[in-house]
Amino acid sequence: MARYVITSTGTDVGKTVFAAGLCGLIGAEYWKPVQSGLAGNVPMPGDAAPAPEPLAGTDRAEVARLSGVPTHPEAALLREPLSPHRAAELQGVALDPGSWAPPPADRLVIEGAGGALVPVTRDLLFADLFARWQLPVIVVCATGLGTISHSLTALESLRARGVRLHGVAFVGPANDDNMATIGQIGGVRVLGRLPLLDRLDRDSLTAAMRAAFRAEDFA
């Protein structure tokens, strides 16, 4: 079985694109338990109920576009572009992460929201949820200035909760020293680097992933 959780050092690092690329590379299904930031994009049910098909503006829809793999409905859909805990409060929704069980797929990529320490509720961080699931985690990191501290902080936070780290994946321009430093000090495997793509579609992402990562590292 190849089942991985994808988190990152923060928002807009490239986690969703990497998740889509990994799904395509290893033929995995995709699940993102909670999606926020949909205000103005699609009409949302007041109870944040999941939708059977990907809704426009969701990461699930983007992964489906970029990979073509099966995707699973979110457990919760939230309007405001905020941390899930706050977006749910403003929407009048009580999130129940204890009931969020990963789909029973042999090959599965699960994407969290934002960074490893984003609150799911006032009492639970994503890192805590990952620890409950006991699935290996891949941390997606930027390559530029500031990434060393951000990446090491995420790694230490996950390890402190007993999360098993599969490795780090980078997204961005080449920066060999930053990547090597994070791997060495963080004591973690560097899986590869996905460059920024001038044209982002299924063909370009597939080619870039095959050039930058080895499928056998995710067996």
C-alpha atoms as a PDB file:
ATOM      1  CA  MET A   1       0.000   0.000   0.000  1.00  0.00           C
ATOM      2  CA  ALA A   2       1.128   3.548  -0.747  1.00  0.00           C
ATOM      3  CA  ARG A   3      -0.799   5.992   1.447  1.00  0.00           C
ATOM      4  CA  TYR A   4       0.624   9.417   2.234  1.00  0.00           C
ATOM      5  CA  VAL A   5      -0.409  12.634   3.910  1.00  0.00           C
ATOM      6  CA  ILE A   6       0.773  15.853   2.262  1.00  0.00           C
ATOM      7  CA  THR A   7       1.345  18.920   4.405  1.00  0.00           C
ATOM      8  CA  SER A   8       3.555  21.969   4.011  1.00  0.00           C
ATOM      9  CA  THR A   9       5.323  24.790   5.752  1.00  0.00           C
ATOM     10  CA  GLY A  10       2.492  27.240   5.013  1.00  0.00           C
ATOM     11  CA  THR A  11      -0.020  28.478   2.476  1.00  0.00           C
ATOM     12  CA  ASP A  12       0.748  28.814  -1.244  1.00  0.00           C
ATOM     13  CA  VAL A  13       3.899  26.689  -1.151  1.00  0.00           C
ATOM     14  CA  GLY A  14       2.695  24.381  -3.932  1.00  0.00           C
ATOM     15  CA  LYS A  15       1.213  21.545  -1.886  1.00  0.00           C
ATOM     16  CA  THR A  16      -1.826  20.950  -4.088  1.00  0.00           C
ATOM     17  CA  VAL A  17       0.188  20.856  -7.313  1.00  0.00           C
ATOM     18  CA  PHE A  18       2.642  18.419  -5.760  1.00  0.00           C
ATOM     19  CA  ALA A  19      -0.251  16.295  -4.445  1.00  0.00           C
ATOM     20  CA  ALA A  20      -1.741  16.166  -7.944  1.00  0.00           C
ATOM     21  CA  GLY A  21       1.626  15.255  -9.409  1.00  0.00           C
ATOM     22  CA  LEU A  22       2.176  12.509  -6.855  1.00  0.00           C
ATOM     23  CA  CYS A  23      -1.280  11.076  -7.516  1.00  0.00           C
ATOM     24  CA  GLY A  24      -0.448  10.867 -11.200  1.00  0.00           C
ATOM     25  CA  LEU A  25       3.031   9.485 -10.595  1.00  0.00           C
ATOM     26  CA  ILE A  26       1.938   6.552  -8.430  1.00  0.00           C
ATOM     27  CA  GLY A  27      -1.688   6.157  -9.512  1.00  0.00           C
ATOM     28  CA  ALA A  28      -3.120   7.187  -6.146  1.00  0.00           C
ATOM     29  CA  GLU A  29      -6.594   8.442  -5.299  1.00  0.00           C
ATOM     30  CA  TYR A  30      -6.983  11.850  -3.620  1.00  0.00           C
ATOM     31  CA  TRP A  31      -8.773  13.154  -0.548  1.00  0.00           C
ATOM     32  CA  LYS A  32      -8.761  16.549   1.143  1.00  0.00           C
ATOM     33  CA  PRO A  33     -10.909  16.336   4.291  1.00  0.00           C
ATOM     34  CA  VAL A  34     -11.672  20.035   4.650  1.00  0.00           C
ATOM     35  CA  GLN A  35     -11.641  22.858   2.089  1.00  0.00           C
ATOM     36  CA  SER A  36     -12.048  26.512   2.997  1.00  0.00           C
ATOM     37  CA  GLY A  37     -11.927  29.691   0.937  1.00  0.00           C
ATOM     38  CA  LEU A  38     -14.856  29.072  -1.416  1.00  0.00           C
ATOM     39  CA  ALA A  39     -16.752  32.336  -0.865  1.00  0.00           C
ATOM     40  CA  GLY A  40     -17.741  33.918  -4.167  1.00  0.00           C
ATOM     41  CA  ASN A  41     -16.766  30.845  -6.178  1.00  0.00           C
ATOM     42  CA  VAL A  42     -19.698  28.462  -5.724  1.00  0.00           C
ATOM     43  CA  PRO A  43     -22.938  28.380  -3.758  1.00  0.00           C
ATOM     44  CA  MET A  44     -22.306  26.578  -0.516  1.00  0.00           C
ATOM     45  CA  PRO A  45     -24.699  24.590   1.660  1.00  0.00           C
ATOM     46  CA  GLY A  46     -25.094  26.075   5.098  1.00  0.00           C
ATOM     47  CA  ASP A  47     -24.215  22.793   6.783  1.00  0.00           C
ATOM     48  CA  ALA A  48     -20.905  22.409   4.876  1.00  0.00           C
ATOM     49  CA  ALA A  49     -22.028  19.084   3.448  1.00  0.00           C
ATOM     50  CA  PRO A  50     -19.714  17.257   1.036  1.00  0.00           C
ATOM     51  CA  ALA A  51     -20.399  17.286  -2.693  1.00  0.00           C
ATOM     52  CA  PRO A  52     -20.287  14.028  -4.701  1.00  0.00           C
ATOM     53  CA  GLU A  53     -18.463  15.691  -7.602  1.00  0.00           C
ATOM     54  CA  PRO A  54     -15.576  18.172  -7.359  1.00  0.00           C
ATOM     55  CA  LEU A  55     -16.814  21.745  -7.007  1.00  0.00           C
ATOM     56  CA  ALA A  56     -15.213  24.552  -8.975  1.00  0.00           C
ATOM     57  CA  GLY A  57     -12.555  26.360  -6.971  1.00  0.00           C
ATOM     58  CA  THR A  58     -11.668  23.414  -4.755  1.00  0.00           C
ATOM     59  CA  ASP A  59      -8.290  21.744  -4.538  1.00  0.00           C
ATOM     60  CA  ARG A  60     -10.111  18.517  -5.306  1.00  0.00           C
ATOM     61  CA  ALA A  61     -11.202  19.937  -8.677  1.00  0.00           C
ATOM     62  CA  GLU A  62      -7.660  21.101  -9.406  1.00  0.00           C
ATOM     63  CA  VAL A  63      -6.186  17.703  -8.583  1.00  0.00           C
ATOM     64  CA  ALA A  64      -8.770  16.024 -10.804  1.00  0.00           C
ATOM     65  CA  ARG A  65      -7.836  18.388 -13.631  1.00  0.00           C
ATOM     66  CA  LEU A  66      -4.112  17.904 -13.246  1.00  0.00           C
ATOM     67  CA  SER A  67      -4.021  14.158 -12.583  1.00  0.00           C
ATOM     68  CA  GLY A  68      -7.230  12.526 -13.789  1.00  0.00           C
ATOM     69  CA  VAL A  69      -7.263  10.202 -10.759  1.00  0.00           C
ATOM     70  CA  PRO A  70     -10.360   9.393  -8.662  1.00  0.00           C
ATOM     71  CA  THR A  71     -11.028  11.952  -5.938  1.00  0.00           C
ATOM     72  CA  HIS A  72     -13.085  11.602  -2.764  1.00  0.00           C
ATOM     73  CA  PRO A  73     -15.607  14.111  -1.369  1.00  0.00           C
ATOM     74  CA  GLU A  74     -14.464  16.496   1.325  1.00  0.00           C
ATOM     75  CA  ALA A  75     -15.773  16.006   4.838  1.00  0.00           C
ATOM     76  CA  ALA A  76     -16.445  19.754   5.057  1.00  0.00           C
ATOM     77  CA  LEU A  77     -16.632  22.677   2.637  1.00  0.00           C
ATOM     78  CA  LEU A  78     -16.220  26.162   4.075  1.00  0.00           C
ATOM     79  CA  ARG A  79     -16.765  29.588   2.553  1.00  0.00           C
ATOM     80  CA  GLU A  80     -14.216  31.876   4.179  1.00  0.00           C
ATOM     81  CA  PRO A  81     -10.517  31.880   3.159  1.00  0.00           C
ATOM     82  CA  LEU A  82      -9.416  31.222   6.726  1.00  0.00           C
ATOM     83  CA  SER A  83      -8.090  28.436   8.884  1.00  0.00           C
ATOM     84  CA  PRO A  84     -10.753  25.703   9.081  1.00  0.00           C
ATOM     85  CA  HIS A  85     -11.439  26.327  12.758  1.00  0.00           C
ATOM     86  CA  ARG A  86     -12.357  29.971  12.156  1.00  0.00           C
ATOM     87  CA  ALA A  87     -14.071  29.463   8.800  1.00  0.00           C
ATOM     88  CA  ALA A  88     -16.297  26.852  10.435  1.00  0.00           C
ATOM     89  CA  GLU A  89     -17.140  29.136  13.329  1.00  0.00           C
ATOM     90  CA  LEU A  90     -18.179  31.958  11.012  1.00  0.00           C
ATOM     91  CA  GLN A  91     -20.308  29.550   8.991  1.00  0.00           C
ATOM     92  CA  GLY A  92     -21.950  28.112  12.083  1.00  0.00           C
ATOM     93  CA  VAL A  93     -20.564  24.649  11.444  1.00  0.00           C
ATOM     94  CA  ALA A  94     -19.221  22.246  14.076  1.00  0.00           C
ATOM     95  CA  LEU A  95     -16.372  20.252  12.556  1.00  0.00           C
ATOM     96  CA  ASP A  96     -15.988  16.655  13.746  1.00  0.00           C
ATOM     97  CA  PRO A  97     -12.481  15.541  12.747  1.00  0.00           C
ATOM     98  CA  GLY A  98     -12.838  12.447  14.917  1.00  0.00           C
ATOM     99  CA  SER A  99     -15.184  11.068  12.270  1.00  0.00           C
ATOM    100  CA  TRP A 100     -12.827  11.801   9.360  1.00  0.00           C
ATOM    101  CA  ALA A 101     -11.554   8.390   8.329  1.00  0.00           C
ATOM    102  CA  PRO A 102      -9.230   8.182   5.310  1.00  0.00           C
ATOM    103  CA  PRO A 103     -10.877   6.414   2.351  1.00  0.00           C
ATOM    104  CA  PRO A 104      -9.935   2.709   2.098  1.00  0.00           C
ATOM    105  CA  ALA A 105      -7.841   3.008  -1.064  1.00  0.00           C
ATOM    106  CA  ASP A 106      -4.621   1.017  -1.452  1.00  0.00           C
ATOM    107  CA  ARG A 107      -2.988   4.066  -3.020  1.00  0.00           C
ATOM    108  CA  LEU A 108      -4.074   7.358  -1.479  1.00  0.00           C
ATOM    109  CA  VAL A 109      -2.817  10.923  -1.175  1.00  0.00           C
ATOM    110  CA  ILE A 110      -4.402  13.007   1.596  1.00  0.00           C
ATOM    111  CA  GLU A 111      -3.887  16.765   1.571  1.00  0.00           C
ATOM    112  CA  GLY A 112      -4.137  18.911   4.670  1.00  0.00           C
ATOM    113  CA  ALA A 113      -5.029  22.605   4.673  1.00  0.00           C
ATOM    114  CA  GLY A 114      -2.096  25.008   4.843  1.00  0.00           C
ATOM    115  CA  GLY A 115       0.789  24.147   7.136  1.00  0.00           C
ATOM    116  CA  ALA A 116       1.268  21.385   9.667  1.00  0.00           C
ATOM    117  CA  LEU A 117       0.147  23.489  12.639  1.00  0.00           C
ATOM    118  CA  VAL A 118      -3.020  24.934  11.119  1.00  0.00           C
ATOM    119  CA  PRO A 119      -5.942  24.503  13.566  1.00  0.00           C
ATOM    120  CA  VAL A 120      -8.710  22.153  12.475  1.00  0.00           C
ATOM    121  CA  THR A 121     -10.680  23.118  15.588  1.00  0.00           C
ATOM    122  CA  ARG A 122      -9.818  25.124  18.697  1.00  0.00           C
ATOM    123  CA  ASP A 123      -8.581  21.883  20.244  1.00  0.00           C
ATOM    124  CA  LEU A 124      -6.900  20.089  17.355  1.00  0.00           C
ATOM    125  CA  LEU A 125      -4.126  20.935  14.895  1.00  0.00           C
ATOM    126  CA  PHE A 126      -3.570  19.159  11.598  1.00  0.00           C
ATOM    127  CA  ALA A 127      -0.369  17.669  13.013  1.00  0.00           C
ATOM    128  CA  ASP A 128      -2.454  16.087  15.780  1.00  0.00           C
ATOM    129  CA  LEU A 129      -4.862  14.663  13.204  1.00  0.00           C
ATOM    130  CA  PHE A 130      -1.968  13.219  11.187  1.00  0.00           C
ATOM    131  CA  ALA A 131      -0.655  11.550  14.331  1.00  0.00           C
ATOM    132  CA  ARG A 132      -4.039   9.887  14.851  1.00  0.00           C
ATOM    133  CA  TRP A 133      -4.038   8.494  11.326  1.00  0.00           C
ATOM    134  CA  GLN A 134      -0.518   7.056  11.652  1.00  0.00           C
ATOM    135  CA  LEU A 135       0.203   7.498   7.949  1.00  0.00           C
ATOM    136  CA  PRO A 136       3.577   8.664   6.617  1.00  0.00           C
ATOM    137  CA  VAL A 137       3.738  12.398   5.984  1.00  0.00           C
ATOM    138  CA  ILE A 138       5.481  14.300   3.205  1.00  0.00           C
ATOM    139  CA  VAL A 139       6.258  17.953   3.930  1.00  0.00           C
ATOM    140  CA  VAL A 140       6.203  20.246   0.904  1.00  0.00           C
ATOM    141  CA  CYS A 141       8.717  23.075   1.262  1.00  0.00           C
ATOM    142  CA  ALA A 142       9.638  26.160  -0.702  1.00  0.00           C
ATOM    143  CA  THR A 143      13.227  26.583  -1.866  1.00  0.00           C
ATOM    144  CA  GLY A 144      13.840  30.287  -1.235  1.00  0.00           C
ATOM    145  CA  LEU A 145      14.678  32.602   1.635  1.00  0.00           C
ATOM    146  CA  GLY A 146      13.129  31.587   4.953  1.00  0.00           C
ATOM    147  CA  THR A 147      12.484  28.000   4.043  1.00  0.00           C
ATOM    148  CA  ILE A 148      15.105  26.501   6.356  1.00  0.00           C
ATOM    149  CA  SER A 149      13.475  27.776   9.552  1.00  0.00           C
ATOM    150  CA  HIS A 150       9.925  27.137   8.309  1.00  0.00           C
ATOM    151  CA  SER A 151      10.772  23.607   7.207  1.00  0.00           C
ATOM    152  CA  LEU A 152      12.670  22.605  10.350  1.00  0.00           C
ATOM    153  CA  THR A 153       9.851  23.982  12.499  1.00  0.00           C
ATOM    154  CA  ALA A 154       7.301  21.846  10.629  1.00  0.00           C
ATOM    155  CA  LEU A 155       9.496  18.751  10.893  1.00  0.00           C
ATOM    156  CA  GLU A 156      10.072  19.170  14.632  1.00  0.00           C
ATOM    157  CA  SER A 157       6.374  19.793  15.261  1.00  0.00           C
ATOM    158  CA  LEU A 158       5.396  16.613  13.451  1.00  0.00           C
ATOM    159  CA  ARG A 159       8.073  14.487  15.123  1.00  0.00           C
ATOM    160  CA  ALA A 160       7.032  15.781  18.555  1.00  0.00           C
ATOM    161  CA  ARG A 161       3.634  14.194  17.935  1.00  0.00           C
ATOM    162  CA  GLY A 162       5.022  10.862  16.824  1.00  0.00           C
ATOM    163  CA  VAL A 163       4.255  11.417  13.130  1.00  0.00           C
ATOM    164  CA  ARG A 164       6.274   9.250  10.746  1.00  0.00           C
ATOM    165  CA  LEU A 165       8.035  11.422   8.174  1.00  0.00           C
ATOM    166  CA  HIS A 166       8.447   9.965   4.712  1.00  0.00           C
ATOM    167  CA  GLY A 167      10.480  12.904   3.436  1.00  0.00           C
ATOM    168  CA  VAL A 168      10.428  16.467   2.148  1.00  0.00           C
ATOM    169  CA  ALA A 169       9.531  17.562  -1.360  1.00  0.00           C
ATOM    170  CA  PHE A 170      10.500  20.980  -2.650  1.00  0.00           C
ATOM    171  CA  VAL A 171       8.637  23.266  -5.028  1.00  0.00           C
ATOM    172  CA  GLY A 172      10.368  26.219  -6.636  1.00  0.00           C
ATOM    173  CA  PRO A 173      13.599  27.325  -8.308  1.00  0.00           C
ATOM    174  CA  ALA A 174      16.763  25.335  -7.705  1.00  0.00           C
ATOM    175  CA  ASN A 175      18.514  26.011  -4.397  1.00  0.00           C
ATOM    176  CA  ASP A 176      20.738  23.044  -3.674  1.00  0.00           C
ATOM    177  CA  ASP A 177      22.170  24.364  -0.413  1.00  0.00           C
ATOM    178  CA  ASN A 178      18.804  25.118   1.188  1.00  0.00           C
ATOM    179  CA  MET A 179      17.542  21.682   0.200  1.00  0.00           C
ATOM    180  CA  ALA A 180      20.641  19.887   1.480  1.00  0.00           C
ATOM    181  CA  THR A 181      20.646  21.884   4.736  1.00  0.00           C
ATOM    182  CA  ILE A 182      17.035  21.002   5.496  1.00  0.00           C
ATOM    183  CA  GLY A 183      17.706  17.359   4.720  1.00  0.00           C
ATOM    184  CA  GLN A 184      20.823  17.246   6.899  1.00  0.00           C
ATOM    185  CA  ILE A 185      19.695  19.253   9.926  1.00  0.00           C
ATOM    186  CA  GLY A 186      16.148  17.926   9.729  1.00  0.00           C
ATOM    187  CA  GLY A 187      17.374  14.346   9.450  1.00  0.00           C
ATOM    188  CA  VAL A 188      14.912  13.703   6.653  1.00  0.00           C
ATOM    189  CA  ARG A 189      15.022  12.306   3.125  1.00  0.00           C
ATOM    190  CA  VAL A 190      14.947  14.823   0.294  1.00  0.00           C
ATOM    191  CA  LEU A 191      12.613  13.288  -2.264  1.00  0.00           C
ATOM    192  CA  GLY A 192      13.111  15.820  -5.055  1.00  0.00           C
ATOM    193  CA  ARG A 193      12.188  19.256  -6.355  1.00  0.00           C
ATOM    194  CA  LEU A 194       9.277  20.214  -8.588  1.00  0.00           C
ATOM    195  CA  PRO A 195      10.145  23.346 -10.594  1.00  0.00           C
ATOM    196  CA  LEU A 196       7.640  26.123 -11.216  1.00  0.00           C
ATOM    197  CA  LEU A 197       5.950  25.365 -14.519  1.00  0.00           C
ATOM    198  CA  ASP A 198       5.260  28.021 -17.144  1.00  0.00           C
ATOM    199  CA  ARG A 199       2.302  25.946 -18.327  1.00  0.00           C
ATOM    200  CA  LEU A 200       0.473  23.973 -15.670  1.00  0.00           C
ATOM    201  CA  ASP A 201      -1.599  21.155 -17.113  1.00  0.00           C
ATOM    202  CA  ARG A 202      -1.691  17.381 -16.840  1.00  0.00           C
ATOM    203  CA  ASP A 203       0.958  16.738 -19.479  1.00  0.00           C
ATOM    204  CA  SER A 204       3.458  19.291 -18.176  1.00  0.00           C
ATOM    205  CA  LEU A 205       3.003  18.201 -14.555  1.00  0.00           C
ATOM    206  CA  THR A 206       3.345  14.516 -15.445  1.00  0.00           C
ATOM    207  CA  ALA A 207       6.582  15.168 -17.303  1.00  0.00           C
ATOM    208  CA  ALA A 208       7.995  17.348 -14.515  1.00  0.00           C
ATOM    209  CA  MET A 209       7.179  14.807 -11.812  1.00  0.00           C
ATOM    210  CA  ARG A 210       8.757  11.952 -13.747  1.00  0.00           C
ATOM    211  CA  ALA A 211      11.904  14.022 -14.233  1.00  0.00           C
ATOM    212  CA  ALA A 212      12.153  15.186 -10.605  1.00  0.00           C
ATOM    213  CA  PHE A 213      10.914  12.218  -8.521  1.00  0.00           C
ATOM    214  CA  ARG A 214      11.288   8.445  -8.531  1.00  0.00           C
ATOM    215  CA  ALA A 215       8.071   6.463  -8.282  1.00  0.00           C
ATOM    216  CA  GLU A 216       9.908   3.740  -6.337  1.00  0.00           C
ATOM    217  CA  ASP A 217      10.481   6.244  -3.474  1.00  0.00           C
ATOM    218  CA  PHE A 218       6.730   6.134  -2.901  1.00  0.00           C
ATOM    219  CA  ALA A 219       6.170   2.386  -3.226  1.00  0.00           C
END
